[in-house]
Every structure is written in C-alpha cells, then in structure tokens.
All heavy atoms as atom14 arrays in JSON, in Angstrom:
{
  "sequence": "DYRTRGRDHGSTFDMHRLLHLAKDAGRQEALLDALYRANFAEERSVFA",
  "atom14_mask": [
    [1, 1, 1, 1, 1, 1, 1, 1, 0, 0, 0, 0, 0, 0],
    [1, 1, 1, 1, 1, 1, 1, 1, 1, 1, 1, 1, 0, 0],
    [1, 1, 1, 1, 1, 1, 1, 1, 1, 1, 1, 0, 0, 0],
    [1, 1, 1, 1, 1, 1, 1, 0, 0, 0, 0, 0, 0, 0],
    [1, 1, 1, 1, 1, 1, 1, 1, 1, 1, 1, 0, 0, 0],
    [1, 1, 1, 1, 0, 0, 0, 0, 0, 0, 0, 0, 0, 0],
    [1, 1, 1, 1, 1, 1, 1, 1, 1, 1, 1, 0, 0, 0],
    [1, 1, 1, 1, 1, 1, 1, 1, 0, 0, 0, 0, 0, 0],
    [1, 1, 1, 1, 1, 1, 1, 1, 1, 1, 0, 0, 0, 0],
    [1, 1, 1, 1, 0, 0, 0, 0, 0, 0, 0, 0, 0, 0],
    [1, 1, 1, 1, 1, 1, 0, 0, 0, 0, 0, 0, 0, 0],
    [1, 1, 1, 1, 1, 1, 1, 0, 0, 0, 0, 0, 0, 0],
    [1, 1, 1, 1, 1, 1, 1, 1, 1, 1, 1, 0, 0, 0],
    [1, 1, 1, 1, 1, 1, 1, 1, 0, 0, 0, 0, 0, 0],
    [1, 1, 1, 1, 1, 1, 1, 1, 0, 0, 0, 0, 0, 0],
    [1, 1, 1, 1, 1, 1, 1, 1, 1, 1, 0, 0, 0, 0],
    [1, 1, 1, 1, 1, 1, 1, 1, 1, 1, 1, 0, 0, 0],
    [1, 1, 1, 1, 1, 1, 1, 1, 0, 0, 0, 0, 0, 0],
    [1, 1, 1, 1, 1, 1, 1, 1, 0, 0, 0, 0, 0, 0],
    [1, 1, 1, 1, 1, 1, 1, 1, 1, 1, 0, 0, 0, 0],
    [1, 1, 1, 1, 1, 1, 1, 1, 0, 0, 0, 0, 0, 0],
    [1, 1, 1, 1, 1, 0, 0, 0, 0, 0, 0, 0, 0, 0],
    [1, 1, 1, 1, 1, 1, 1, 1, 1, 0, 0, 0, 0, 0],
    [1, 1, 1, 1, 1, 1, 1, 1, 0, 0, 0, 0, 0, 0],
    [1, 1, 1, 1, 1, 0, 0, 0, 0, 0, 0, 0, 0, 0],
    [1, 1, 1, 1, 0, 0, 0, 0, 0, 0, 0, 0, 0, 0],
    [1, 1, 1, 1, 1, 1, 1, 1, 1, 1, 1, 0, 0, 0],
    [1, 1, 1, 1, 1, 1, 1, 1, 1, 0, 0, 0, 0, 0],
    [1, 1, 1, 1, 1, 1, 1, 1, 1, 0, 0, 0, 0, 0],
    [1, 1, 1, 1, 1, 0, 0, 0, 0, 0, 0, 0, 0, 0],
    [1, 1, 1, 1, 1, 1, 1, 1, 0, 0, 0, 0, 0, 0],
    [1, 1, 1, 1, 1, 1, 1, 1, 0, 0, 0, 0, 0, 0],
    [1, 1, 1, 1, 1, 1, 1, 1, 0, 0, 0, 0, 0, 0],
    [1, 1, 1, 1, 1, 0, 0, 0, 0, 0, 0, 0, 0, 0],
    [1, 1, 1, 1, 1, 1, 1, 1, 0, 0, 0, 0, 0, 0],
    [1, 1, 1, 1, 1, 1, 1, 1, 1, 1, 1, 1, 0, 0],
    [1, 1, 1, 1, 1, 1, 1, 1, 1, 1, 1, 0, 0, 0],
    [1, 1, 1, 1, 1, 0, 0, 0, 0, 0, 0, 0, 0, 0],
    [1, 1, 1, 1, 1, 1, 1, 1, 0, 0, 0, 0, 0, 0],
    [1, 1, 1, 1, 1, 1, 1, 1, 1, 1, 1, 0, 0, 0],
    [1, 1, 1, 1, 1, 0, 0, 0, 0, 0, 0, 0, 0, 0],
    [1, 1, 1, 1, 1, 1, 1, 1, 1, 0, 0, 0, 0, 0],
    [1, 1, 1, 1, 1, 1, 1, 1, 1, 0, 0, 0, 0, 0],
    [1, 1, 1, 1, 1, 1, 1, 1, 1, 1, 1, 0, 0, 0],
    [1, 1, 1, 1, 1, 1, 0, 0, 0, 0, 0, 0, 0, 0],
    [1, 1, 1, 1, 1, 1, 1, 0, 0, 0, 0, 0, 0, 0],
    [1, 1, 1, 1, 1, 1, 1, 1, 1, 1, 1, 0, 0, 0],
    [1, 1, 1, 1, 1, 0, 0, 0, 0, 0, 0, 0, 0, 0]
  ],
  "atom14_positions": [
    [[32.66, 69.38, 14.91], [33.85, 70.02, 15.49], [33.92, 69.62, 16.98], [32.89, 69.51, 17.64], [33.79, 71.53, 15.38], [33.91, 72.0, 13.95], [34.59, 71.3, 13.15], [33.31, 73.05, 13.62], [0.0, 0.0, 0.0], [0.0, 0.0, 0.0], [0.0, 0.0, 0.0], [0.0, 0.0, 0.0], [0.0, 0.0, 0.0], [0.0, 0.0, 0.0]],
    [[35.15, 69.4, 17.46], [35.34, 68.96, 18.87], [36.66, 69.44, 19.38], [37.7, 69.08, 18.79], [35.22, 67.43, 18.94], [35.18, 66.88, 20.36], [33.97, 66.46, 20.87], [36.33, 66.71, 21.12], [33.88, 65.9, 22.16], [36.27, 66.2, 22.37], [35.04, 65.79, 22.9], [34.99, 65.26, 24.15], [0.0, 0.0, 0.0], [0.0, 0.0, 0.0]],
    [[36.63, 70.26, 20.4], [37.9, 70.74, 20.99], [38.43, 69.7, 21.96], [37.78, 69.41, 22.96], [37.66, 72.07, 21.73], [37.32, 73.24, 20.82], [37.04, 74.49, 21.59], [38.21, 74.93, 22.33], [38.24, 75.13, 23.66], [37.16, 74.91, 24.39], [39.31, 75.57, 24.25], [0.0, 0.0, 0.0], [0.0, 0.0, 0.0], [0.0, 0.0, 0.0]],
    [[39.55, 69.15, 21.69], [40.13, 68.13, 22.55], [40.98, 68.7, 23.65], [41.51, 67.94, 24.54], [40.96, 67.12, 21.75], [42.02, 67.8, 21.1], [40.09, 66.43, 20.7], [0.0, 0.0, 0.0], [0.0, 0.0, 0.0], [0.0, 0.0, 0.0], [0.0, 0.0, 0.0], [0.0, 0.0, 0.0], [0.0, 0.0, 0.0], [0.0, 0.0, 0.0]],
    [[41.18, 69.99, 23.66], [42.0, 70.67, 24.7], [41.23, 71.88, 25.25], [40.51, 72.59, 24.51], [43.33, 71.17, 24.1], [44.21, 70.11, 23.43], [44.82, 69.16, 24.43], [45.84, 68.32, 23.86], [45.64, 67.24, 23.15], [44.38, 66.88, 22.9], [46.66, 66.53, 22.73], [0.0, 0.0, 0.0], [0.0, 0.0, 0.0], [0.0, 0.0, 0.0]],
    [[41.32, 72.05, 26.56], [40.83, 73.27, 27.18], [39.36, 73.36, 27.48], [38.89, 74.4, 27.91], [0.0, 0.0, 0.0], [0.0, 0.0, 0.0], [0.0, 0.0, 0.0], [0.0, 0.0, 0.0], [0.0, 0.0, 0.0], [0.0, 0.0, 0.0], [0.0, 0.0, 0.0], [0.0, 0.0, 0.0], [0.0, 0.0, 0.0], [0.0, 0.0, 0.0]],
    [[38.61, 72.25, 27.31], [37.19, 72.3, 27.7], [37.02, 72.2, 29.2], [37.9, 71.7, 29.88], [36.41, 71.18, 27.01], [36.22, 71.35, 25.5], [35.17, 70.45, 24.91], [35.33, 69.05, 25.3], [34.53, 68.41, 26.17], [33.53, 69.05, 26.77], [34.75, 67.12, 26.47], [0.0, 0.0, 0.0], [0.0, 0.0, 0.0], [0.0, 0.0, 0.0]],
    [[35.82, 72.65, 29.69], [35.56, 72.48, 31.11], [34.26, 71.73, 31.31], [33.54, 71.36, 30.36], [35.57, 73.8, 31.85], [34.61, 74.81, 31.26], [33.74, 74.45, 30.44], [34.66, 75.99, 31.66], [0.0, 0.0, 0.0], [0.0, 0.0, 0.0], [0.0, 0.0, 0.0], [0.0, 0.0, 0.0], [0.0, 0.0, 0.0], [0.0, 0.0, 0.0]],
    [[33.9, 71.49, 32.6], [32.76, 70.68, 32.95], [32.06, 71.34, 34.13], [32.7, 71.92, 35.03], [33.25, 69.27, 33.36], [32.13, 68.38, 33.82], [31.27, 67.75, 32.96], [31.75, 68.05, 35.07], [30.43, 67.04, 33.67], [30.66, 67.19, 34.96], [0.0, 0.0, 0.0], [0.0, 0.0, 0.0], [0.0, 0.0, 0.0], [0.0, 0.0, 0.0]],
    [[30.72, 71.28, 34.12], [29.95, 71.84, 35.21], [28.49, 71.35, 35.21], [28.17, 70.4, 34.49], [0.0, 0.0, 0.0], [0.0, 0.0, 0.0], [0.0, 0.0, 0.0], [0.0, 0.0, 0.0], [0.0, 0.0, 0.0], [0.0, 0.0, 0.0], [0.0, 0.0, 0.0], [0.0, 0.0, 0.0], [0.0, 0.0, 0.0], [0.0, 0.0, 0.0]],
    [[27.68, 72.05, 35.94], [26.25, 71.67, 36.02], [25.53, 72.0, 34.72], [25.74, 73.09, 34.15], [25.58, 72.44, 37.18], [24.21, 72.25, 37.16], [0.0, 0.0, 0.0], [0.0, 0.0, 0.0], [0.0, 0.0, 0.0], [0.0, 0.0, 0.0], [0.0, 0.0, 0.0], [0.0, 0.0, 0.0], [0.0, 0.0, 0.0], [0.0, 0.0, 0.0]],
    [[24.63, 71.15, 34.27], [23.85, 71.35, 33.09], [22.37, 71.61, 33.44], [21.52, 71.67, 32.53], [23.95, 70.18, 32.14], [23.55, 68.97, 32.8], [25.37, 70.01, 31.62], [0.0, 0.0, 0.0], [0.0, 0.0, 0.0], [0.0, 0.0, 0.0], [0.0, 0.0, 0.0], [0.0, 0.0, 0.0], [0.0, 0.0, 0.0], [0.0, 0.0, 0.0]],
    [[22.03, 71.74, 34.7], [20.63, 71.87, 35.11], [19.95, 73.09, 34.47], [18.84, 72.95, 33.92], [20.55, 72.01, 36.65], [19.17, 72.03, 37.18], [18.24, 71.04, 36.9], [18.74, 73.07, 38.03], [16.95, 71.03, 37.41], [17.44, 73.11, 38.52], [16.56, 72.09, 38.2], [0.0, 0.0, 0.0], [0.0, 0.0, 0.0], [0.0, 0.0, 0.0]],
    [[20.62, 74.23, 34.46], [20.02, 75.42, 33.81], [19.82, 75.2, 32.34], [18.86, 75.73, 31.78], [20.92, 76.65, 34.1], [20.76, 77.2, 35.48], [19.84, 76.74, 36.21], [21.56, 78.1, 35.87], [0.0, 0.0, 0.0], [0.0, 0.0, 0.0], [0.0, 0.0, 0.0], [0.0, 0.0, 0.0], [0.0, 0.0, 0.0], [0.0, 0.0, 0.0]],
    [[20.72, 74.54, 31.71], [20.57, 74.29, 30.26], [19.35, 73.41, 29.99], [18.59, 73.64, 29.03], [21.81, 73.61, 29.73], [23.08, 74.44, 29.86], [24.5, 73.58, 29.18], [25.78, 74.12, 30.36], [0.0, 0.0, 0.0], [0.0, 0.0, 0.0], [0.0, 0.0, 0.0], [0.0, 0.0, 0.0], [0.0, 0.0, 0.0], [0.0, 0.0, 0.0]],
    [[19.15, 72.4, 30.83], [17.97, 71.57, 30.67], [16.69, 72.38, 30.91], [15.67, 72.15, 30.2], [18.02, 70.37, 31.58], [18.98, 69.32, 31.12], [18.8, 68.59, 29.96], [20.17, 68.89, 31.67], [19.83, 67.74, 29.81], [20.63, 67.9, 30.84], [0.0, 0.0, 0.0], [0.0, 0.0, 0.0], [0.0, 0.0, 0.0], [0.0, 0.0, 0.0]],
    [[16.73, 73.29, 31.87], [15.53, 74.07, 32.1], [15.24, 74.97, 30.9], [14.07, 75.14, 30.48], [15.71, 74.92, 33.36], [15.84, 74.11, 34.62], [15.69, 74.88, 35.9], [16.68, 75.94, 36.05], [16.35, 77.23, 36.14], [15.09, 77.62, 35.98], [17.33, 78.15, 36.28], [0.0, 0.0, 0.0], [0.0, 0.0, 0.0], [0.0, 0.0, 0.0]],
    [[16.3, 75.52, 30.28], [16.1, 76.35, 29.08], [15.59, 75.48, 27.9], [14.83, 75.96, 27.08], [17.41, 77.01, 28.68], [17.8, 78.23, 29.52], [19.19, 78.73, 29.07], [16.81, 79.36, 29.43], [0.0, 0.0, 0.0], [0.0, 0.0, 0.0], [0.0, 0.0, 0.0], [0.0, 0.0, 0.0], [0.0, 0.0, 0.0], [0.0, 0.0, 0.0]],
    [[16.02, 74.25, 27.85], [15.55, 73.35, 26.81], [14.05, 73.08, 26.9], [13.36, 72.92, 25.88], [16.34, 72.05, 26.8], [17.75, 72.16, 26.18], [18.58, 70.89, 26.57], [17.69, 72.3, 24.67], [0.0, 0.0, 0.0], [0.0, 0.0, 0.0], [0.0, 0.0, 0.0], [0.0, 0.0, 0.0], [0.0, 0.0, 0.0], [0.0, 0.0, 0.0]],
    [[13.57, 73.07, 28.11], [12.09, 72.89, 28.27], [11.36, 74.19, 27.9], [10.26, 74.12, 27.28], [11.78, 72.49, 29.72], [11.92, 71.03, 29.97], [10.93, 70.12, 29.61], [12.92, 70.34, 30.52], [11.33, 68.9, 29.94], [12.55, 68.97, 30.46], [0.0, 0.0, 0.0], [0.0, 0.0, 0.0], [0.0, 0.0, 0.0], [0.0, 0.0, 0.0]],
    [[11.94, 75.3, 28.16], [11.38, 76.57, 27.63], [11.37, 76.54, 26.12], [10.36, 76.9, 25.49], [12.21, 77.77, 28.14], [11.92, 79.13, 27.51], [10.55, 79.62, 27.93], [12.98, 80.14, 27.85], [0.0, 0.0, 0.0], [0.0, 0.0, 0.0], [0.0, 0.0, 0.0], [0.0, 0.0, 0.0], [0.0, 0.0, 0.0], [0.0, 0.0, 0.0]],
    [[12.46, 76.1, 25.52], [12.59, 76.03, 24.09], [11.55, 75.05, 23.49], [11.02, 75.27, 22.41], [14.0, 75.68, 23.69], [0.0, 0.0, 0.0], [0.0, 0.0, 0.0], [0.0, 0.0, 0.0], [0.0, 0.0, 0.0], [0.0, 0.0, 0.0], [0.0, 0.0, 0.0], [0.0, 0.0, 0.0], [0.0, 0.0, 0.0], [0.0, 0.0, 0.0]],
    [[11.32, 73.97, 24.18], [10.33, 73.01, 23.72], [8.96, 73.66, 23.62], [8.23, 73.46, 22.64], [10.26, 71.78, 24.71], [9.27, 70.73, 24.28], [9.31, 69.59, 25.3], [8.25, 68.52, 24.91], [8.21, 67.44, 25.96], [0.0, 0.0, 0.0], [0.0, 0.0, 0.0], [0.0, 0.0, 0.0], [0.0, 0.0, 0.0], [0.0, 0.0, 0.0]],
    [[8.58, 74.42, 24.62], [7.29, 75.14, 24.62], [7.2, 76.12, 23.43], [6.09, 76.38, 22.9], [7.07, 75.87, 25.9], [6.72, 74.96, 27.07], [6.41, 73.78, 26.82], [6.74, 75.44, 28.23], [0.0, 0.0, 0.0], [0.0, 0.0, 0.0], [0.0, 0.0, 0.0], [0.0, 0.0, 0.0], [0.0, 0.0, 0.0], [0.0, 0.0, 0.0]],
    [[8.34, 76.65, 23.04], [8.37, 77.6, 21.94], [8.65, 76.98, 20.59], [8.77, 77.69, 19.57], [9.44, 78.68, 22.21], [0.0, 0.0, 0.0], [0.0, 0.0, 0.0], [0.0, 0.0, 0.0], [0.0, 0.0, 0.0], [0.0, 0.0, 0.0], [0.0, 0.0, 0.0], [0.0, 0.0, 0.0], [0.0, 0.0, 0.0], [0.0, 0.0, 0.0]],
    [[8.8, 75.65, 20.54], [9.05, 74.98, 19.29], [10.48, 75.2, 18.82], [10.76, 75.01, 17.61], [0.0, 0.0, 0.0], [0.0, 0.0, 0.0], [0.0, 0.0, 0.0], [0.0, 0.0, 0.0], [0.0, 0.0, 0.0], [0.0, 0.0, 0.0], [0.0, 0.0, 0.0], [0.0, 0.0, 0.0], [0.0, 0.0, 0.0], [0.0, 0.0, 0.0]],
    [[11.42, 75.47, 19.72], [12.78, 75.74, 19.32], [13.79, 74.83, 20.07], [14.97, 75.15, 20.17], [13.17, 77.2, 19.62], [12.26, 78.24, 18.97], [12.26, 78.09, 17.46], [13.62, 78.29, 16.93], [13.95, 78.0, 15.68], [13.05, 77.46, 14.87], [15.2, 78.22, 15.24], [0.0, 0.0, 0.0], [0.0, 0.0, 0.0], [0.0, 0.0, 0.0]],
    [[13.3, 73.7, 20.54], [14.15, 72.8, 21.36], [15.34, 72.26, 20.56], [16.45, 72.25, 21.07], [13.34, 71.67, 21.93], [14.07, 70.8, 22.93], [13.3, 69.6, 23.4], [12.67, 68.88, 22.63], [13.3, 69.37, 24.72], [0.0, 0.0, 0.0], [0.0, 0.0, 0.0], [0.0, 0.0, 0.0], [0.0, 0.0, 0.0], [0.0, 0.0, 0.0]],
    [[15.09, 71.82, 19.37], [16.15, 71.23, 18.55], [17.24, 72.26, 18.27], [18.44, 71.96, 18.35], [15.59, 70.7, 17.24], [16.57, 69.87, 16.41], [16.6, 68.42, 16.82], [15.56, 67.9, 17.32], [17.64, 67.79, 16.62], [0.0, 0.0, 0.0], [0.0, 0.0, 0.0], [0.0, 0.0, 0.0], [0.0, 0.0, 0.0], [0.0, 0.0, 0.0]],
    [[16.83, 73.46, 17.96], [17.77, 74.54, 17.65], [18.63, 74.87, 18.87], [19.87, 75.07, 18.76], [17.06, 75.79, 17.17], [0.0, 0.0, 0.0], [0.0, 0.0, 0.0], [0.0, 0.0, 0.0], [0.0, 0.0, 0.0], [0.0, 0.0, 0.0], [0.0, 0.0, 0.0], [0.0, 0.0, 0.0], [0.0, 0.0, 0.0], [0.0, 0.0, 0.0]],
    [[18.04, 74.93, 20.05], [18.79, 75.26, 21.23], [19.72, 74.11, 21.61], [20.87, 74.34, 22.02], [17.9, 75.59, 22.39], [18.59, 75.94, 23.72], [19.52, 77.12, 23.54], [17.58, 76.25, 24.81], [0.0, 0.0, 0.0], [0.0, 0.0, 0.0], [0.0, 0.0, 0.0], [0.0, 0.0, 0.0], [0.0, 0.0, 0.0], [0.0, 0.0, 0.0]],
    [[19.25, 72.9, 21.5], [20.11, 71.74, 21.83], [21.34, 71.73, 20.96], [22.46, 71.53, 21.44], [19.33, 70.43, 21.67], [20.08, 69.15, 22.07], [20.53, 69.16, 23.5], [19.2, 67.92, 21.79], [0.0, 0.0, 0.0], [0.0, 0.0, 0.0], [0.0, 0.0, 0.0], [0.0, 0.0, 0.0], [0.0, 0.0, 0.0], [0.0, 0.0, 0.0]],
    [[21.15, 71.96, 19.67], [22.34, 71.99, 18.76], [23.26, 73.12, 19.13], [24.51, 72.97, 19.08], [21.84, 72.16, 17.31], [21.25, 70.89, 16.72], [21.55, 69.81, 17.27], [20.53, 71.0, 15.74], [0.0, 0.0, 0.0], [0.0, 0.0, 0.0], [0.0, 0.0, 0.0], [0.0, 0.0, 0.0], [0.0, 0.0, 0.0], [0.0, 0.0, 0.0]],
    [[22.73, 74.29, 19.5], [23.56, 75.4, 19.88], [24.33, 75.14, 21.13], [25.51, 75.48, 21.27], [22.67, 76.65, 20.07], [0.0, 0.0, 0.0], [0.0, 0.0, 0.0], [0.0, 0.0, 0.0], [0.0, 0.0, 0.0], [0.0, 0.0, 0.0], [0.0, 0.0, 0.0], [0.0, 0.0, 0.0], [0.0, 0.0, 0.0], [0.0, 0.0, 0.0]],
    [[23.71, 74.47, 22.12], [24.41, 74.14, 23.36], [25.51, 73.09, 23.13], [26.59, 73.21, 23.67], [23.42, 73.62, 24.37], [22.42, 74.63, 24.95], [21.32, 73.97, 25.75], [23.14, 75.67, 25.83], [0.0, 0.0, 0.0], [0.0, 0.0, 0.0], [0.0, 0.0, 0.0], [0.0, 0.0, 0.0], [0.0, 0.0, 0.0], [0.0, 0.0, 0.0]],
    [[25.21, 72.1, 22.35], [26.26, 71.09, 22.03], [27.46, 71.76, 21.35], [28.6, 71.51, 21.69], [25.67, 70.02, 21.08], [24.95, 68.88, 21.77], [23.8, 68.33, 21.22], [25.44, 68.31, 22.95], [23.15, 67.26, 21.86], [24.81, 67.26, 23.55], [23.65, 66.73, 22.99], [23.0, 65.69, 23.58], [0.0, 0.0, 0.0], [0.0, 0.0, 0.0]],
    [[27.18, 72.55, 20.34], [28.24, 73.22, 19.6], [29.05, 74.12, 20.52], [30.29, 74.11, 20.45], [27.64, 74.01, 18.44], [28.65, 74.62, 17.49], [27.99, 75.15, 16.23], [26.89, 76.08, 16.53], [25.59, 75.8, 16.38], [25.25, 74.59, 15.93], [24.66, 76.68, 16.65], [0.0, 0.0, 0.0], [0.0, 0.0, 0.0], [0.0, 0.0, 0.0]],
    [[28.37, 74.87, 21.37], [29.09, 75.76, 22.28], [29.95, 75.01, 23.25], [31.09, 75.42, 23.52], [28.04, 76.64, 23.03], [0.0, 0.0, 0.0], [0.0, 0.0, 0.0], [0.0, 0.0, 0.0], [0.0, 0.0, 0.0], [0.0, 0.0, 0.0], [0.0, 0.0, 0.0], [0.0, 0.0, 0.0], [0.0, 0.0, 0.0], [0.0, 0.0, 0.0]],
    [[29.47, 73.91, 23.76], [30.2, 73.17, 24.77], [31.36, 72.37, 24.19], [32.47, 72.31, 24.76], [29.28, 72.18, 25.5], [30.01, 71.45, 26.62], [30.8, 72.02, 27.32], [29.72, 70.14, 26.74], [0.0, 0.0, 0.0], [0.0, 0.0, 0.0], [0.0, 0.0, 0.0], [0.0, 0.0, 0.0], [0.0, 0.0, 0.0], [0.0, 0.0, 0.0]],
    [[31.16, 71.8, 23.03], [32.2, 70.91, 22.5], [33.1, 71.52, 21.42], [34.19, 71.02, 21.16], [31.54, 69.64, 21.89], [30.98, 68.75, 22.97], [29.57, 68.64, 23.09], [31.76, 68.05, 23.85], [29.01, 67.84, 24.09], [31.22, 67.27, 24.86], [29.83, 67.17, 24.95], [0.0, 0.0, 0.0], [0.0, 0.0, 0.0], [0.0, 0.0, 0.0]],
    [[32.64, 72.62, 20.8], [33.42, 73.15, 19.68], [33.91, 74.57, 19.85], [34.83, 74.96, 19.15], [32.57, 73.07, 18.38], [0.0, 0.0, 0.0], [0.0, 0.0, 0.0], [0.0, 0.0, 0.0], [0.0, 0.0, 0.0], [0.0, 0.0, 0.0], [0.0, 0.0, 0.0], [0.0, 0.0, 0.0], [0.0, 0.0, 0.0], [0.0, 0.0, 0.0]],
    [[33.32, 75.32, 20.78], [33.67, 76.74, 20.94], [34.49, 76.98, 22.23], [34.4, 76.18, 23.15], [32.41, 77.58, 20.9], [31.65, 77.45, 19.58], [30.31, 78.17, 19.57], [30.04, 78.86, 20.6], [29.61, 78.09, 18.57], [0.0, 0.0, 0.0], [0.0, 0.0, 0.0], [0.0, 0.0, 0.0], [0.0, 0.0, 0.0], [0.0, 0.0, 0.0]],
    [[35.21, 78.07, 22.24], [36.13, 78.33, 23.32], [35.43, 78.85, 24.6], [35.79, 78.41, 25.73], [37.2, 79.34, 22.92], [38.14, 78.79, 21.9], [39.35, 79.72, 21.65], [39.54, 80.62, 22.49], [40.03, 79.52, 20.65], [0.0, 0.0, 0.0], [0.0, 0.0, 0.0], [0.0, 0.0, 0.0], [0.0, 0.0, 0.0], [0.0, 0.0, 0.0]],
    [[34.48, 79.71, 24.48], [33.85, 80.28, 25.68], [33.0, 79.27, 26.39], [32.19, 78.56, 25.76], [33.0, 81.5, 25.3], [32.37, 82.18, 26.48], [31.63, 83.44, 26.05], [30.84, 84.0, 27.15], [30.0, 85.03, 27.04], [29.85, 85.62, 25.85], [29.33, 85.47, 28.05], [0.0, 0.0, 0.0], [0.0, 0.0, 0.0], [0.0, 0.0, 0.0]],
    [[33.12, 79.16, 27.7], [32.41, 78.14, 28.49], [30.93, 78.41, 28.49], [30.47, 79.56, 28.43], [32.98, 78.15, 29.92], [32.2, 77.25, 30.73], [0.0, 0.0, 0.0], [0.0, 0.0, 0.0], [0.0, 0.0, 0.0], [0.0, 0.0, 0.0], [0.0, 0.0, 0.0], [0.0, 0.0, 0.0], [0.0, 0.0, 0.0], [0.0, 0.0, 0.0]],
    [[30.14, 77.35, 28.65], [28.67, 77.47, 28.77], [28.28, 77.28, 30.24], [27.07, 77.38, 30.56], [27.94, 76.42, 27.92], [28.14, 76.69, 26.47], [28.37, 75.0, 28.27], [0.0, 0.0, 0.0], [0.0, 0.0, 0.0], [0.0, 0.0, 0.0], [0.0, 0.0, 0.0], [0.0, 0.0, 0.0], [0.0, 0.0, 0.0], [0.0, 0.0, 0.0]],
    [[29.23, 77.06, 31.11], [28.91, 76.76, 32.52], [29.0, 77.99, 33.37], [29.94, 78.79, 33.28], [29.86, 75.65, 33.05], [29.74, 74.36, 32.28], [30.72, 74.0, 31.38], [28.62, 73.55, 32.43], [30.61, 72.81, 30.67], [28.53, 72.36, 31.75], [29.51, 71.96, 30.84], [0.0, 0.0, 0.0], [0.0, 0.0, 0.0], [0.0, 0.0, 0.0]],
    [[27.99, 78.12, 34.27], [27.97, 79.23, 35.25], [28.09, 80.6, 34.59], [28.68, 81.51, 35.11], [29.06, 79.07, 36.28], [0.0, 0.0, 0.0], [0.0, 0.0, 0.0], [0.0, 0.0, 0.0], [0.0, 0.0, 0.0], [0.0, 0.0, 0.0], [0.0, 0.0, 0.0], [0.0, 0.0, 0.0], [0.0, 0.0, 0.0], [0.0, 0.0, 0.0]]
  ]
}
C-alpha cells in the first residue's frame, strides 16, 4: 500500500535509534516493517 497524496517528510534519526533497540531485542524486522507501513500507507505521521 502507498499513499500518493498527503504524506509528509522529516527526520528519521529517532526511528533508526529505535531500530537498533529493536535489533538488540530481536524485533528489528518487525519494527522496520511497521515503520515503512506507517510512513507510506497510513494517514497519521511518524515524524516528530
């Protein structure tokens, strides 16, 4: 799924930091998929 209208853009530094936390917990793949889906397919922003 990909929203071609109404998406926004911002810093991803905090997301990458959380992905390293998720890596330590063995959940990196799950979080990465969730972040991608939230950013590209869902309405609520993931930024700030």
